Amino acid sequence: MNVKDNWRLAKEICFLNHGSFGACPAAVLDAQQALRERIEREPVTFFMRDYHGLLDETRQALAAWLGADAAGLVFVPNATTAVNAVVNSLALKPGDALLVTNHGYAACTNALTFAAQRAGARVVAARVPFPVRDEDDIVAAVLAAAPARARLALIDHVTSPTALVFPAARIVRALEDRGIPVMIDGAHAPGMLPLELDALGASYYTGNCHKWMCNPKGAAFLYARADTRDGLYPTVISHGLTSPIRDRSRFHHLFDWPGTYDPTAVLTLPATLRIMPAFCEGGWDGIRRANGAKALRGRDCIARGLGLAPCAPDALLGAMASFLLPRDFGGFPAGDGLIPPLQEHLFRAYGIEVPVMPWDERGHILRISAHLYNEDEDYARLRDALAEIGRGAVS
């Protein structure tokens, strides 16, 4: 069986956008469906007798895999929710500052901007260059921009638009030593990078499980260091606020029950952690190595074919790579809709799903992803399509 046959992706589409929403293998979806059926056989038993025990088992399994203290781990629907929970728990005051970078995910930057506007605080954006020469450029840009009264720094582990792996450990040490709490937005990191969250030392860390882990959508985690858990509240306040403390911490009480919801994405995690390693020799380490090598081959194929210079050294890439295309590439405008015109044309005319994003005054960013189901021919197909578009052959 070819490894790609484990996914139910449309065979006619060249899918190079795993980074946006992920894609689940059939076996993982089957495990989730079994949980859904268990719920519907006896919903009261599931939610009132079984749910918390299953959640604790899931927490323990994920914490061990992340190198994290399970006492500091809670589940959220996505990384954006985790960012909102942290920034809205800060009780910002006028004059406070929040630090982000110009490579941040727009939704999370928006969450900080909104919180700052309501409190009379300000958001400071570190201007990290792109293309980038090395990790020193990233660290220098972040530290140079860090304001003295920063209440929080939100730093990506893997940047969404530019696909850079930021030196998270160096940034965390430098900022936390200055007394600036750091939240790492690791939306892309679980399954792409090896993680040891306790050793990393950030005040907060969030990651999505639907991306490189290939878990069903709707499962993400928020990790809080031991000294940051008190006073941290979820975006949804529910029974946990007044529940008597018995067999779990106040922190877990607050986050574990947001109200009636479909918990199957979260509770599928133990199955995902078992299923995915079987698809690649070397398990999770093998998956990370294979995807990283494939992303580099894809980048080189496209860069050579189009005469583009790489935007980052190999050491700063994981399982994605980005290219900076001229603003007028192929005659397509940047566009202001949900899907830019160039991305839509690649999909409609060539059957290629790959994200295109505007990037400053110079042009578009095009980002490729690599997962086990991708093949080298996928990147050659994109290269040829871009070359044809670049020559002006737009239908």
Protein backbone atom coordinates (compact mmCIF):
# COMPACT_ATOMS: atom_id res chain seq x y z
CA MET A 1 0.00 0.00 0.00
CA ASN A 2 1.35 3.40 -1.00
CA VAL A 3 1.56 5.66 2.05
CA LYS A 4 -0.55 8.33 0.31
CA ASP A 5 -3.43 5.84 0.05
CA ASN A 6 -3.93 6.27 3.79
CA TRP A 7 -5.37 9.73 3.08
CA ARG A 8 -8.71 10.45 1.42
CA LEU A 9 -7.54 13.52 -0.44
CA ALA A 10 -9.04 14.13 -3.90
CA LYS A 11 -6.79 12.31 -6.34
CA GLU A 12 -7.24 14.95 -9.05
CA ILE A 13 -5.84 17.73 -6.81
CA CYS A 14 -2.14 18.30 -6.23
CA PHE A 15 -2.42 19.19 -2.54
CA LEU A 16 0.52 21.33 -1.40
CA ASN A 17 -1.27 23.16 1.41
CA HIS A 18 -1.12 20.83 4.39
CA GLY A 19 -0.03 23.81 6.48
CA SER A 20 -3.41 25.54 6.41
CA PHE A 21 -5.82 22.92 7.73
CA GLY A 22 -3.93 19.63 7.70
CA ALA A 23 -5.38 16.38 6.39
CA CYS A 24 -6.36 13.26 8.34
CA PRO A 25 -5.53 9.66 7.44
CA ALA A 26 -8.53 7.36 7.13
CA ALA A 27 -7.55 5.35 10.22
CA VAL A 28 -7.56 8.50 12.36
CA LEU A 29 -10.98 9.51 11.05
CA ASP A 30 -12.26 6.01 11.80
CA ALA A 31 -11.04 6.35 15.40
CA GLN A 32 -12.86 9.65 15.72
CA GLN A 33 -16.06 8.17 14.28
CA ALA A 34 -15.93 5.36 16.85
CA LEU A 35 -15.88 7.97 19.60
CA ARG A 36 -18.83 9.81 18.04
CA GLU A 37 -20.81 6.59 17.98
CA ARG A 38 -19.91 5.94 21.62
CA ILE A 39 -21.27 9.35 22.56
CA GLU A 40 -24.55 8.80 20.79
CA ARG A 41 -25.14 5.38 22.34
CA GLU A 42 -25.46 7.01 25.78
CA PRO A 43 -24.67 10.75 25.86
CA VAL A 44 -25.21 11.17 29.61
CA THR A 45 -22.87 8.33 30.49
CA PHE A 46 -20.26 9.67 28.13
CA PHE A 47 -20.26 13.29 29.28
CA MET A 48 -21.02 12.79 32.99
CA ARG A 49 -19.29 9.49 33.74
CA ASP A 50 -16.58 8.94 31.12
CA TYR A 51 -15.50 12.29 29.68
CA HIS A 52 -13.14 13.59 32.38
CA GLY A 53 -11.31 10.28 32.70
CA LEU A 54 -10.82 10.08 28.93
CA LEU A 55 -9.65 13.68 28.87
CA ASP A 56 -7.09 13.02 31.59
CA GLU A 57 -5.79 9.98 29.69
CA THR A 58 -5.49 12.10 26.56
CA ARG A 59 -3.71 14.86 28.48
CA GLN A 60 -1.18 12.40 29.91
CA ALA A 61 -0.47 10.91 26.49
CA LEU A 62 -0.01 14.26 24.79
CA ALA A 63 2.04 15.71 27.66
CA ALA A 64 4.50 12.82 27.48
CA TRP A 65 4.86 13.32 23.74
CA LEU A 66 5.39 17.09 24.14
CA GLY A 67 7.83 16.83 27.02
CA ALA A 68 5.38 18.83 29.12
CA ASP A 69 4.06 18.72 32.67
CA ALA A 70 0.51 17.41 32.32
CA ALA A 71 -0.56 19.73 35.15
CA GLY A 72 0.11 22.67 32.83
CA LEU A 73 -1.67 21.31 29.76
CA VAL A 74 -5.25 22.08 28.72
CA PHE A 75 -7.16 21.66 25.49
CA VAL A 76 -8.60 24.37 23.24
CA PRO A 77 -10.15 24.22 19.74
CA ASN A 78 -7.22 25.98 18.05
CA ALA A 79 -4.15 28.08 18.72
CA THR A 80 -6.05 31.32 18.13
CA THR A 81 -8.33 30.49 21.05
CA ALA A 82 -5.31 29.89 23.27
CA VAL A 83 -3.80 33.26 22.35
CA ASN A 84 -7.08 34.99 23.15
CA ALA A 85 -7.27 33.22 26.51
CA VAL A 86 -3.79 34.37 27.52
CA VAL A 87 -3.97 37.98 26.38
CA ASN A 88 -7.45 38.47 27.82
CA SER A 89 -6.22 37.19 31.19
CA LEU A 90 -3.51 39.84 31.47
CA ALA A 91 -5.64 42.75 32.74
CA LEU A 92 -3.76 45.20 30.54
CA LYS A 93 -3.43 48.83 31.59
CA PRO A 94 -2.71 52.05 29.70
CA GLY A 95 0.97 52.24 28.86
CA ASP A 96 1.43 48.48 28.72
CA ALA A 97 2.95 47.00 25.58
CA LEU A 98 2.63 43.72 23.69
CA LEU A 99 5.35 42.47 21.35
CA VAL A 100 4.70 40.64 18.07
CA THR A 101 6.60 40.25 14.81
CA ASN A 102 5.70 41.12 11.24
CA HIS A 103 5.72 37.38 10.47
CA GLY A 104 2.92 36.60 12.93
CA TYR A 105 -0.36 34.92 12.08
CA ALA A 106 -2.87 37.69 11.42
CA ALA A 107 -5.64 36.26 13.61
CA CYS A 108 -3.37 36.08 16.64
CA THR A 109 -1.89 39.53 16.03
CA ASN A 110 -5.48 40.78 15.80
CA ALA A 111 -6.26 39.29 19.20
CA LEU A 112 -3.42 41.25 20.79
CA THR A 113 -4.32 44.41 18.89
CA PHE A 114 -7.94 44.23 20.03
CA ALA A 115 -6.98 43.64 23.67
CA ALA A 116 -4.49 46.51 23.55
CA GLN A 117 -6.98 48.93 21.99
CA ARG A 118 -9.56 48.22 24.68
CA ALA A 119 -7.03 48.78 27.47
CA GLY A 120 -5.17 51.78 26.06
CA ALA A 121 -2.07 49.63 25.61
CA ARG A 122 0.02 49.31 22.45
CA VAL A 123 1.33 46.60 20.16
CA VAL A 124 4.93 46.78 18.98
CA ALA A 125 5.93 44.75 15.90
CA ALA A 126 9.51 43.57 15.45
CA ARG A 127 10.49 43.83 11.79
CA VAL A 128 12.16 40.53 10.98
CA PRO A 129 13.71 40.63 7.49
CA PHE A 130 12.51 38.38 4.69
CA PRO A 131 14.40 36.88 3.00
CA VAL A 132 16.48 36.16 6.09
CA ARG A 133 20.17 35.25 6.34
CA ASP A 134 20.32 33.36 9.63
CA GLU A 135 18.76 33.05 13.06
CA ASP A 136 20.89 35.90 14.40
CA ASP A 137 18.89 38.28 12.19
CA ILE A 138 15.67 37.04 13.79
CA VAL A 139 16.89 37.28 17.38
CA ALA A 140 18.40 40.72 16.82
CA ALA A 141 15.19 42.09 15.32
CA VAL A 142 13.05 40.78 18.19
CA LEU A 143 15.33 42.03 20.95
CA ALA A 144 15.80 45.43 19.33
CA ALA A 145 12.03 45.97 19.23
CA ALA A 146 11.21 44.63 22.71
CA PRO A 147 9.70 47.48 24.77
CA ALA A 148 10.59 47.94 28.41
CA ARG A 149 6.99 47.53 29.67
CA ALA A 150 6.07 44.52 27.57
CA ARG A 151 3.45 42.39 29.33
CA LEU A 152 3.68 39.64 26.73
CA ALA A 153 5.68 38.70 23.65
CA LEU A 154 3.87 36.52 21.10
CA ILE A 155 6.49 34.74 18.99
CA ASP A 156 5.86 32.15 16.29
CA HIS A 157 7.76 28.88 16.42
CA VAL A 158 7.07 28.31 12.73
CA THR A 159 5.82 31.40 10.92
CA SER A 160 2.66 30.90 8.91
CA PRO A 161 3.22 33.11 5.84
CA THR A 162 7.00 32.83 5.53
CA ALA A 163 7.51 29.23 6.80
CA LEU A 164 10.52 30.14 8.95
CA VAL A 165 11.48 28.12 12.01
CA PHE A 166 12.27 30.81 14.56
CA PRO A 167 14.97 30.05 17.18
CA ALA A 168 12.36 29.81 19.91
CA ALA A 169 14.70 28.70 22.69
CA ARG A 170 17.06 31.64 22.15
CA ILE A 171 14.22 34.15 22.02
CA VAL A 172 12.52 32.72 25.10
CA ARG A 173 15.72 32.86 27.16
CA ALA A 174 16.54 36.40 26.10
CA LEU A 175 13.08 37.86 26.67
CA GLU A 176 12.21 35.96 29.84
CA ASP A 177 15.57 37.08 31.29
CA ARG A 178 14.39 40.65 30.69
CA GLY A 179 11.21 39.89 32.62
CA ILE A 180 9.04 39.69 29.50
CA PRO A 181 6.66 36.69 29.50
CA VAL A 182 6.77 34.83 26.20
CA MET A 183 3.96 32.96 24.51
CA ILE A 184 5.13 30.76 21.66
CA ASP A 185 2.58 30.32 18.90
CA GLY A 186 3.51 26.82 17.82
CA ALA A 187 0.51 26.29 15.57
CA HIS A 188 2.65 24.40 13.04
CA ALA A 189 5.20 22.87 15.39
CA PRO A 190 3.67 19.65 16.81
CA GLY A 191 4.54 16.89 14.38
CA MET A 192 6.93 19.12 12.42
CA LEU A 193 9.52 19.84 15.11
CA PRO A 194 10.69 17.86 18.16
CA LEU A 195 9.30 19.56 21.26
CA GLU A 196 10.32 19.64 24.93
CA LEU A 197 8.03 22.28 26.39
CA ASP A 198 9.22 22.10 29.99
CA ALA A 199 12.82 22.56 28.86
CA LEU A 200 11.90 25.40 26.52
CA GLY A 201 10.85 27.50 29.50
CA ALA A 202 8.29 29.78 27.84
CA SER A 203 5.53 31.19 30.01
CA TYR A 204 2.97 29.84 27.54
CA TYR A 205 2.96 27.61 24.48
CA THR A 206 0.14 26.70 22.13
CA GLY A 207 0.05 24.25 19.26
CA ASN A 208 -2.47 22.86 16.80
CA CYS A 209 -2.87 19.11 16.51
CA HIS A 210 -4.74 19.16 13.18
CA LYS A 211 -1.77 20.29 11.13
CA TRP A 212 1.44 18.22 11.14
CA MET A 213 0.15 15.66 13.63
CA CYS A 214 -2.76 14.91 11.24
CA ASN A 215 -5.31 14.77 14.05
CA PRO A 216 -8.93 15.77 13.37
CA LYS A 217 -9.67 19.49 13.36
CA GLY A 218 -10.76 21.11 16.61
CA ALA A 219 -7.94 19.90 18.85
CA ALA A 220 -5.18 22.17 20.09
CA PHE A 221 -3.43 22.68 23.41
CA LEU A 222 -2.36 25.47 25.70
CA TYR A 223 0.61 24.89 27.97
CA ALA A 224 1.27 27.21 30.90
CA ARG A 225 4.39 27.14 33.04
CA ALA A 226 3.71 26.41 36.72
CA ASP A 227 4.11 30.04 37.83
CA THR A 228 1.74 31.38 35.14
CA ARG A 229 -1.34 29.19 35.68
CA ASP A 230 -3.00 31.19 38.45
CA GLY A 231 -5.13 33.94 36.95
CA LEU A 232 -5.24 32.31 33.51
CA TYR A 233 -8.82 31.96 32.28
CA PRO A 234 -10.38 30.32 29.22
CA THR A 235 -12.22 32.29 26.57
CA VAL A 236 -15.44 30.57 27.70
CA ILE A 237 -16.28 30.70 31.40
CA SER A 238 -18.34 27.67 32.44
CA HIS A 239 -18.96 25.44 35.45
CA GLY A 240 -15.28 25.28 36.34
CA LEU A 241 -15.35 28.76 37.86
CA THR A 242 -17.42 27.56 40.82
CA SER A 243 -16.82 23.80 40.81
CA PRO A 244 -15.44 22.51 44.11
CA ILE A 245 -11.81 21.48 43.81
CA ARG A 246 -11.58 17.73 44.25
CA ASP A 247 -9.61 15.51 41.91
CA ARG A 248 -8.20 18.19 39.60
CA SER A 249 -6.65 21.64 39.75
CA ARG A 250 -8.50 24.92 39.39
CA PHE A 251 -6.61 25.39 36.10
CA HIS A 252 -8.02 22.14 34.72
CA HIS A 253 -11.47 22.84 36.16
CA LEU A 254 -11.61 26.14 34.29
CA PHE A 255 -10.55 24.79 30.89
CA ASP A 256 -11.74 21.18 30.79
CA TRP A 257 -15.48 21.79 30.45
CA PRO A 258 -16.39 24.72 28.14
CA GLY A 259 -19.99 23.48 27.78
CA THR A 260 -21.48 20.83 25.53
CA TYR A 261 -19.27 20.38 22.47
CA ASP A 262 -17.91 17.61 20.28
CA PRO A 263 -14.78 16.43 22.17
CA THR A 264 -13.92 13.67 19.71
CA ALA A 265 -11.12 15.58 17.98
CA VAL A 266 -9.32 15.97 21.31
CA LEU A 267 -10.04 12.43 22.48
CA THR A 268 -8.75 11.00 19.17
CA LEU A 269 -5.22 12.21 20.03
CA PRO A 270 -4.05 8.97 21.68
CA ALA A 271 -5.09 7.09 18.53
CA THR A 272 -3.31 9.62 16.31
CA LEU A 273 -0.15 9.28 18.39
CA ARG A 274 -0.31 5.50 17.80
CA ILE A 275 -1.38 5.49 14.15
CA MET A 276 0.88 8.08 12.56
CA PRO A 277 4.28 6.60 13.50
CA ALA A 278 3.41 3.38 11.66
CA PHE A 279 3.37 5.23 8.34
CA CYS A 280 7.10 5.95 8.30
CA GLU A 281 10.25 4.11 9.28
CA GLY A 282 11.61 5.77 12.39
CA GLY A 283 8.18 6.81 13.70
CA TRP A 284 7.69 10.48 14.49
CA ASP A 285 11.39 11.25 14.04
CA GLY A 286 11.25 9.57 10.66
CA ILE A 287 8.16 11.57 9.70
CA ARG A 288 9.86 14.83 10.62
CA ARG A 289 13.02 13.92 8.70
CA ALA A 290 11.13 12.74 5.63
CA ASN A 291 8.90 15.80 5.49
CA GLY A 292 11.81 18.19 6.04
CA ALA A 293 13.90 16.60 3.29
CA LYS A 294 10.92 16.62 0.92
CA ALA A 295 10.25 20.31 1.58
CA LEU A 296 13.86 21.15 0.73
CA ARG A 297 13.72 19.13 -2.48
CA GLY A 298 10.48 20.84 -3.42
CA ARG A 299 11.93 24.26 -2.68
CA ASP A 300 15.03 23.55 -4.78
CA CYS A 301 12.96 22.19 -7.66
CA ILE A 302 10.85 25.33 -7.83
CA ALA A 303 13.67 27.77 -7.14
CA ARG A 304 15.87 26.33 -9.89
CA GLY A 305 13.00 26.10 -12.35
CA LEU A 306 11.97 29.74 -11.86
CA GLY A 307 15.37 31.25 -11.17
CA LEU A 308 14.41 32.25 -7.63
CA ALA A 309 16.82 32.63 -4.74
CA PRO A 310 15.95 30.72 -1.54
CA CYS A 311 14.40 32.97 1.10
CA ALA A 312 16.03 31.23 4.06
CA PRO A 313 18.86 28.82 4.83
CA ASP A 314 18.02 25.15 5.19
CA ALA A 315 18.44 25.30 8.98
CA LEU A 316 15.48 27.69 9.29
CA LEU A 317 13.01 25.47 7.45
CA GLY A 318 10.84 22.62 8.65
CA ALA A 319 8.23 20.96 6.45
CA MET A 320 7.32 24.12 4.52
CA ALA A 321 9.11 26.65 2.35
CA SER A 322 8.08 30.02 0.93
CA PHE A 323 8.95 31.99 -2.19
CA LEU A 324 8.70 35.70 -2.81
CA LEU A 325 7.08 36.31 -6.20
CA PRO A 326 6.96 39.72 -7.90
CA ARG A 327 3.77 41.67 -7.24
CA ASP A 328 2.80 41.56 -10.93
CA PHE A 329 3.67 37.87 -11.37
CA GLY A 330 1.63 36.49 -14.24
CA GLY A 331 -0.40 39.69 -14.31
CA PHE A 332 -2.35 38.69 -11.20
CA PRO A 333 -3.17 41.40 -8.65
CA ALA A 334 -2.70 40.77 -4.93
CA GLY A 335 -6.47 40.76 -4.42
CA ASP A 336 -8.35 41.42 -1.20
CA GLY A 337 -10.60 38.36 -1.01
CA LEU A 338 -10.27 35.16 0.98
CA ILE A 339 -8.37 33.46 -1.83
CA PRO A 340 -5.96 35.59 -3.92
CA PRO A 341 -6.42 35.45 -7.71
CA LEU A 342 -3.14 33.62 -8.35
CA GLN A 343 -4.01 30.91 -5.84
CA GLU A 344 -7.46 30.49 -7.38
CA HIS A 345 -6.00 30.30 -10.88
CA LEU A 346 -3.53 27.59 -9.85
CA PHE A 347 -6.43 25.62 -8.42
CA ARG A 348 -8.90 26.11 -11.30
CA ALA A 349 -6.52 25.85 -14.23
CA TYR A 350 -3.91 23.42 -12.93
CA GLY A 351 -5.56 21.49 -10.11
CA ILE A 352 -2.94 22.68 -7.60
CA GLU A 353 -3.88 23.73 -4.07
CA VAL A 354 -1.15 25.98 -2.70
CA PRO A 355 -1.48 29.18 -0.66
CA VAL A 356 -0.56 32.61 -2.01
CA MET A 357 -0.38 35.61 0.34
CA PRO A 358 0.44 39.28 -0.18
CA TRP A 359 3.72 40.39 1.40
CA ASP A 360 4.70 44.06 1.72
CA GLU A 361 5.22 46.18 -1.37
CA ARG A 362 7.38 43.62 -3.15
CA GLY A 363 4.79 41.02 -4.06
CA HIS A 364 3.28 37.66 -3.15
CA ILE A 365 4.46 34.86 -0.93
CA LEU A 366 3.78 31.35 -2.21
CA ARG A 367 4.19 28.61 0.42
CA ILE A 368 4.61 24.90 -0.19
CA SER A 369 4.06 22.14 2.36
CA ALA A 370 5.41 18.61 2.54
CA HIS A 371 3.81 15.63 4.23
CA LEU A 372 4.03 11.89 3.74
CA TYR A 373 1.41 11.81 0.98
CA ASN A 374 3.28 14.36 -1.16
CA GLU A 375 5.62 13.25 -3.93
CA ASP A 376 8.47 15.02 -5.68
CA GLU A 377 6.35 15.14 -8.83
CA ASP A 378 3.91 17.44 -7.03
CA TYR A 379 6.52 20.17 -6.79
CA ALA A 380 7.56 19.69 -10.41
CA ARG A 381 3.91 20.13 -11.38
CA LEU A 382 3.76 23.41 -9.47
CA ARG A 383 7.08 24.53 -10.97
CA ASP A 384 5.82 23.95 -14.49
CA ALA A 385 2.53 25.74 -13.81
CA LEU A 386 4.30 28.77 -12.34
CA ALA A 387 6.72 28.87 -15.25
CA GLU A 388 3.81 28.89 -17.70
CA ILE A 389 1.99 31.61 -15.73
CA GLY A 390 5.17 33.65 -15.49
CA ARG A 391 5.48 33.61 -19.27
CA GLY A 392 2.07 35.23 -19.46
CA ALA A 393 0.15 32.14 -20.57
CA VAL A 394 -2.90 32.99 -18.45
CA SER A 395 -6.13 31.56 -19.80
